[in-house]
Each structure stands twice: as C-alpha cells, then as structure tokens.
Amino acid sequence: MVDLEPCMVIVKNVPSFVCIQCGHISYSDVVAKRLAALVETVKDSAVSVLVIDYLKQVA
C-alpha cells in the first residue's frame, strides 16, 4: 500500500518473503523495482483508491 495523498494505491498478490519468527515482510530487488515502476505508472491516474493485481500487471 502506498499513500500518494490524496489517493491510496494497493497492490495485491505481490511475491514476498515473510519471516516465520517475527512476520517481517520483505521483497526481492526485482519485485521492489517493479512495484516502484507500477506505482509511478498509475500515480497520475489514481483518484481515491486504486487496487492493482501485481501478477496480472507484470505477466
């Protein structure tokens, strides 16, 4: 989820690594770069809340 004031971008189905001990979520460098690119692409068209499916966008 990214807060772009005044809208929010939510990206679903993002591949991630979750620590089984503390629950910390992290992303590979490739996924992080693609997420940044996705947000940059849609940020000017978002009005309120935008939900993106990661797997459908990067396929």
PDB file of N, CA and C in Angstrom:
ATOM      1  N   MET A   1       0.845  -1.165   0.000  1.00  0.00           N
ATOM      2  CA  MET A   1       0.000   0.000   0.000  1.00  0.00           C
ATOM      3  C   MET A   1       0.895   1.235   0.000  1.00  0.00           C
ATOM      4  N   VAL A   2       0.550   2.185  -0.840  1.00  0.00           N
ATOM      5  CA  VAL A   2       1.301   3.435  -0.959  1.00  0.00           C
ATOM      6  C   VAL A   2       0.321   4.597  -0.813  1.00  0.00           C
ATOM      7  N   ASP A   3       0.638   5.532   0.055  1.00  0.00           N
ATOM      8  CA  ASP A   3      -0.185   6.719   0.242  1.00  0.00           C
ATOM      9  C   ASP A   3       0.377   7.838  -0.632  1.00  0.00           C
ATOM     10  N   LEU A   4      -0.359   8.205  -1.675  1.00  0.00           N
ATOM     11  CA  LEU A   4       0.090   9.234  -2.607  1.00  0.00           C
ATOM     12  C   LEU A   4      -0.613  10.561  -2.389  1.00  0.00           C
ATOM     13  N   GLU A   5      -1.329  10.707  -1.293  1.00  0.00           N
ATOM     14  CA  GLU A   5      -2.047  11.951  -0.978  1.00  0.00           C
ATOM     15  C   GLU A   5      -2.635  12.585  -2.214  1.00  0.00           C
ATOM     16  N   PRO A   6      -3.842  12.598  -2.461  1.00  0.00           N
ATOM     17  CA  PRO A   6      -4.935  12.166  -1.605  1.00  0.00           C
ATOM     18  C   PRO A   6      -5.442  10.767  -1.923  1.00  0.00           C
ATOM     19  N   CYS A   7      -4.700   9.983  -2.658  1.00  0.00           N
ATOM     20  CA  CYS A   7      -5.177   8.644  -3.002  1.00  0.00           C
ATOM     21  C   CYS A   7      -4.274   7.568  -2.389  1.00  0.00           C
ATOM     22  N   MET A   8      -4.778   6.348  -2.388  1.00  0.00           N
ATOM     23  CA  MET A   8      -4.036   5.194  -1.896  1.00  0.00           C
ATOM     24  C   MET A   8      -3.920   4.198  -3.039  1.00  0.00           C
ATOM     25  N   VAL A   9      -2.753   3.578  -3.176  1.00  0.00           N
ATOM     26  CA  VAL A   9      -2.556   2.518  -4.160  1.00  0.00           C
ATOM     27  C   VAL A   9      -2.303   1.227  -3.390  1.00  0.00           C
ATOM     28  N   ILE A  10      -3.117   0.224  -3.656  1.00  0.00           N
ATOM     29  CA  ILE A  10      -2.970  -1.083  -3.028  1.00  0.00           C
ATOM     30  C   ILE A  10      -2.594  -2.067  -4.122  1.00  0.00           C
ATOM     31  N   VAL A  11      -1.524  -2.814  -3.904  1.00  0.00           N
ATOM     32  CA  VAL A  11      -1.068  -3.796  -4.885  1.00  0.00           C
ATOM     33  C   VAL A  11      -1.265  -5.179  -4.271  1.00  0.00           C
ATOM     34  N   LYS A  12      -2.088  -5.999  -4.917  1.00  0.00           N
ATOM     35  CA  LYS A  12      -2.386  -7.344  -4.426  1.00  0.00           C
ATOM     36  C   LYS A  12      -1.445  -8.370  -5.045  1.00  0.00           C
ATOM     37  N   ASN A  13      -1.331  -9.507  -4.377  1.00  0.00           N
ATOM     38  CA  ASN A  13      -0.609 -10.677  -4.895  1.00  0.00           C
ATOM     39  C   ASN A  13       0.863 -10.405  -5.185  1.00  0.00           C
ATOM     40  N   VAL A  14       1.513  -9.628  -4.339  1.00  0.00           N
ATOM     41  CA  VAL A  14       2.926  -9.328  -4.520  1.00  0.00           C
ATOM     42  C   VAL A  14       3.761 -10.454  -3.932  1.00  0.00           C
ATOM     43  N   PRO A  15       4.664 -11.061  -4.720  1.00  0.00           N
ATOM     44  CA  PRO A  15       5.536 -12.108  -4.181  1.00  0.00           C
ATOM     45  C   PRO A  15       6.422 -11.516  -3.082  1.00  0.00           C
ATOM     46  N   SER A  16       6.465 -12.194  -1.941  1.00  0.00           N
ATOM     47  CA  SER A  16       7.245 -11.657  -0.825  1.00  0.00           C
ATOM     48  C   SER A  16       7.827 -12.782   0.016  1.00  0.00           C
ATOM     49  N   PHE A  17       8.727 -12.389   0.898  1.00  0.00           N
ATOM     50  CA  PHE A  17       9.313 -13.296   1.875  1.00  0.00           C
ATOM     51  C   PHE A  17       8.792 -12.858   3.237  1.00  0.00           C
ATOM     52  N   VAL A  18       8.256 -13.794   4.014  1.00  0.00           N
ATOM     53  CA  VAL A  18       7.727 -13.477   5.337  1.00  0.00           C
ATOM     54  C   VAL A  18       8.515 -14.275   6.373  1.00  0.00           C
ATOM     55  N   CYS A  19       9.093 -13.576   7.345  1.00  0.00           N
ATOM     56  CA  CYS A  19       9.852 -14.216   8.417  1.00  0.00           C
ATOM     57  C   CYS A  19       8.881 -15.022   9.287  1.00  0.00           C
ATOM     58  N   ILE A  20       9.176 -16.285   9.503  1.00  0.00           N
ATOM     59  CA  ILE A  20       8.282 -17.128  10.302  1.00  0.00           C
ATOM     60  C   ILE A  20       8.378 -16.818  11.797  1.00  0.00           C
ATOM     61  N   GLN A  21       9.414 -16.112  12.197  1.00  0.00           N
ATOM     62  CA  GLN A  21       9.560 -15.777  13.616  1.00  0.00           C
ATOM     63  C   GLN A  21       8.904 -14.447  13.975  1.00  0.00           C
ATOM     64  N   CYS A  22       9.131 -13.418  13.175  1.00  0.00           N
ATOM     65  CA  CYS A  22       8.623 -12.092  13.541  1.00  0.00           C
ATOM     66  C   CYS A  22       7.542 -11.553  12.603  1.00  0.00           C
ATOM     67  N   GLY A  23       7.348 -12.192  11.433  1.00  0.00           N
ATOM     68  CA  GLY A  23       6.328 -11.745  10.492  1.00  0.00           C
ATOM     69  C   GLY A  23       6.767 -10.613   9.575  1.00  0.00           C
ATOM     70  N   HIS A  24       8.052 -10.204   9.662  1.00  0.00           N
ATOM     71  CA  HIS A  24       8.563  -9.136   8.793  1.00  0.00           C
ATOM     72  C   HIS A  24       8.430  -9.549   7.330  1.00  0.00           C
ATOM     73  N   ILE A  25       7.946  -8.629   6.509  1.00  0.00           N
ATOM     74  CA  ILE A  25       7.761  -8.890   5.083  1.00  0.00           C
ATOM     75  C   ILE A  25       8.845  -8.157   4.306  1.00  0.00           C
ATOM     76  N   SER A  26       9.474  -8.857   3.359  1.00  0.00           N
ATOM     77  CA  SER A  26      10.469  -8.227   2.502  1.00  0.00           C
ATOM     78  C   SER A  26      10.263  -8.702   1.065  1.00  0.00           C
ATOM     79  N   TYR A  27      10.875  -7.959   0.141  1.00  0.00           N
ATOM     80  CA  TYR A  27      10.713  -8.228  -1.285  1.00  0.00           C
ATOM     81  C   TYR A  27      12.077  -8.345  -1.940  1.00  0.00           C
ATOM     82  N   SER A  28      12.133  -9.125  -3.012  1.00  0.00           N
ATOM     83  CA  SER A  28      13.377  -9.211  -3.771  1.00  0.00           C
ATOM     84  C   SER A  28      13.615  -7.870  -4.456  1.00  0.00           C
ATOM     85  N   ASP A  29      14.836  -7.643  -4.890  1.00  0.00           N
ATOM     86  CA  ASP A  29      15.161  -6.395  -5.596  1.00  0.00           C
ATOM     87  C   ASP A  29      14.323  -6.229  -6.859  1.00  0.00           C
ATOM     88  N   VAL A  30      14.129  -7.325  -7.577  1.00  0.00           N
ATOM     89  CA  VAL A  30      13.345  -7.272  -8.824  1.00  0.00           C
ATOM     90  C   VAL A  30      11.909  -6.862  -8.530  1.00  0.00           C
ATOM     91  N   VAL A  31      11.297  -7.479  -7.520  1.00  0.00           N
ATOM     92  CA  VAL A  31       9.911  -7.160  -7.173  1.00  0.00           C
ATOM     93  C   VAL A  31       9.815  -5.712  -6.695  1.00  0.00           C
ATOM     94  N   ALA A  32      10.734  -5.269  -5.867  1.00  0.00           N
ATOM     95  CA  ALA A  32      10.714  -3.894  -5.366  1.00  0.00           C
ATOM     96  C   ALA A  32      10.791  -2.886  -6.516  1.00  0.00           C
ATOM     97  N   LYS A  33      11.643  -3.150  -7.504  1.00  0.00           N
ATOM     98  CA  LYS A  33      11.770  -2.251  -8.656  1.00  0.00           C
ATOM     99  C   LYS A  33      10.496  -2.233  -9.494  1.00  0.00           C
ATOM    100  N   ARG A  34       9.876  -3.424  -9.660  1.00  0.00           N
ATOM    101  CA  ARG A  34       8.631  -3.485 -10.432  1.00  0.00           C
ATOM    102  C   ARG A  34       7.497  -2.786  -9.697  1.00  0.00           C
ATOM    103  N   LEU A  35       7.463  -2.911  -8.372  1.00  0.00           N
ATOM    104  CA  LEU A  35       6.449  -2.212  -7.585  1.00  0.00           C
ATOM    105  C   LEU A  35       6.588  -0.703  -7.746  1.00  0.00           C
ATOM    106  N   ALA A  36       7.807  -0.226  -7.650  1.00  0.00           N
ATOM    107  CA  ALA A  36       8.049   1.214  -7.808  1.00  0.00           C
ATOM    108  C   ALA A  36       7.616   1.678  -9.193  1.00  0.00           C
ATOM    109  N   ALA A  37       7.906   0.888 -10.205  1.00  0.00           N
ATOM    110  CA  ALA A  37       7.517   1.244 -11.572  1.00  0.00           C
ATOM    111  C   ALA A  37       6.003   1.236 -11.733  1.00  0.00           C
ATOM    112  N   LEU A  38       5.320   0.248 -11.134  1.00  0.00           N
ATOM    113  CA  LEU A  38       3.864   0.193 -11.207  1.00  0.00           C
ATOM    114  C   LEU A  38       3.236   1.430 -10.576  1.00  0.00           C
ATOM    115  N   VAL A  39       3.703   1.795  -9.405  1.00  0.00           N
ATOM    116  CA  VAL A  39       3.157   2.967  -8.719  1.00  0.00           C
ATOM    117  C   VAL A  39       3.415   4.229  -9.530  1.00  0.00           C
ATOM    118  N   GLU A  40       4.598   4.355 -10.075  1.00  0.00           N
ATOM    119  CA  GLU A  40       4.935   5.532 -10.889  1.00  0.00           C
ATOM    120  C   GLU A  40       4.021   5.618 -12.114  1.00  0.00           C
ATOM    121  N   THR A  41       3.706   4.478 -12.707  1.00  0.00           N
ATOM    122  CA  THR A  41       2.871   4.436 -13.903  1.00  0.00           C
ATOM    123  C   THR A  41       1.441   4.880 -13.626  1.00  0.00           C
ATOM    124  N   VAL A  42       0.899   4.495 -12.468  1.00  0.00           N
ATOM    125  CA  VAL A  42      -0.514   4.753 -12.203  1.00  0.00           C
ATOM    126  C   VAL A  42      -0.777   5.967 -11.318  1.00  0.00           C
ATOM    127  N   LYS A  43       0.250   6.555 -10.740  1.00  0.00           N
ATOM    128  CA  LYS A  43       0.019   7.593  -9.731  1.00  0.00           C
ATOM    129  C   LYS A  43      -0.737   8.809 -10.258  1.00  0.00           C
ATOM    130  N   ASP A  44      -0.577   9.177 -11.501  1.00  0.00           N
ATOM    131  CA  ASP A  44      -1.271  10.343 -12.040  1.00  0.00           C
ATOM    132  C   ASP A  44      -2.724  10.055 -12.392  1.00  0.00           C
ATOM    133  N   SER A  45      -3.086   8.780 -12.531  1.00  0.00           N
ATOM    134  CA  SER A  45      -4.465   8.456 -12.884  1.00  0.00           C
ATOM    135  C   SER A  45      -5.301   8.048 -11.672  1.00  0.00           C
ATOM    136  N   ALA A  46      -4.679   7.874 -10.518  1.00  0.00           N
ATOM    137  CA  ALA A  46      -5.413   7.466  -9.321  1.00  0.00           C
ATOM    138  C   ALA A  46      -6.151   8.658  -8.735  1.00  0.00           C
ATOM    139  N   VAL A  47      -7.390   8.428  -8.321  1.00  0.00           N
ATOM    140  CA  VAL A  47      -8.203   9.494  -7.763  1.00  0.00           C
ATOM    141  C   VAL A  47      -8.431   9.297  -6.271  1.00  0.00           C
ATOM    142  N   SER A  48      -8.825   8.094  -5.866  1.00  0.00           N
ATOM    143  CA  SER A  48      -9.144   7.857  -4.462  1.00  0.00           C
ATOM    144  C   SER A  48      -8.404   6.619  -3.961  1.00  0.00           C
ATOM    145  N   VAL A  49      -8.888   5.439  -4.365  1.00  0.00           N
ATOM    146  CA  VAL A  49      -8.227   4.187  -4.008  1.00  0.00           C
ATOM    147  C   VAL A  49      -8.057   3.376  -5.284  1.00  0.00           C
ATOM    148  N   LEU A  50      -6.858   2.933  -5.533  1.00  0.00           N
ATOM    149  CA  LEU A  50      -6.561   2.134  -6.716  1.00  0.00           C
ATOM    150  C   LEU A  50      -5.998   0.802  -6.262  1.00  0.00           C
ATOM    151  N   VAL A  51      -6.582  -0.303  -6.726  1.00  0.00           N
ATOM    152  CA  VAL A  51      -6.112  -1.637  -6.374  1.00  0.00           C
ATOM    153  C   VAL A  51      -5.567  -2.283  -7.640  1.00  0.00           C
ATOM    154  N   ILE A  52      -4.316  -2.750  -7.563  1.00  0.00           N
ATOM    155  CA  ILE A  52      -3.638  -3.363  -8.706  1.00  0.00           C
ATOM    156  C   ILE A  52      -3.287  -4.800  -8.345  1.00  0.00           C
ATOM    157  N   ASP A  53      -3.465  -5.718  -9.278  1.00  0.00           N
ATOM    158  CA  ASP A  53      -3.033  -7.108  -9.089  1.00  0.00           C
ATOM    159  C   ASP A  53      -1.627  -7.238  -9.679  1.00  0.00           C
ATOM    160  N   TYR A  54      -0.632  -7.411  -8.837  1.00  0.00           N
ATOM    161  CA  TYR A  54       0.757  -7.474  -9.260  1.00  0.00           C
ATOM    162  C   TYR A  54       0.960  -8.540 -10.324  1.00  0.00           C
ATOM    163  N   LEU A  55       0.456  -9.745 -10.098  1.00  0.00           N
ATOM    164  CA  LEU A  55       0.707 -10.856 -11.031  1.00  0.00           C
ATOM    165  C   LEU A  55       0.140 -10.578 -12.416  1.00  0.00           C
ATOM    166  N   LYS A  56      -0.988  -9.876 -12.495  1.00  0.00           N
ATOM    167  CA  LYS A  56      -1.561  -9.557 -13.803  1.00  0.00           C
ATOM    168  C   LYS A  56      -0.810  -8.427 -14.490  1.00  0.00           C
ATOM    169  N   GLN A  57      -0.212  -7.526 -13.735  1.00  0.00           N
ATOM    170  CA  GLN A  57       0.486  -6.389 -14.314  1.00  0.00           C
ATOM    171  C   GLN A  57       1.888  -6.725 -14.818  1.00  0.00           C
ATOM    172  N   VAL A  58       2.565  -7.669 -14.188  1.00  0.00           N
ATOM    173  CA  VAL A  58       3.949  -7.968 -14.587  1.00  0.00           C
ATOM    174  C   VAL A  58       4.031  -9.161 -15.516  1.00  0.00           C
ATOM    175  N   ALA A  59       2.920  -9.822 -15.748  1.00  0.00           N
ATOM    176  CA  ALA A  59       2.928 -11.009 -16.612  1.00  0.00           C
ATOM    177  C   ALA A  59       3.132 -10.637 -18.057  1.00  0.00           C
TER     178      ALA A  59
END
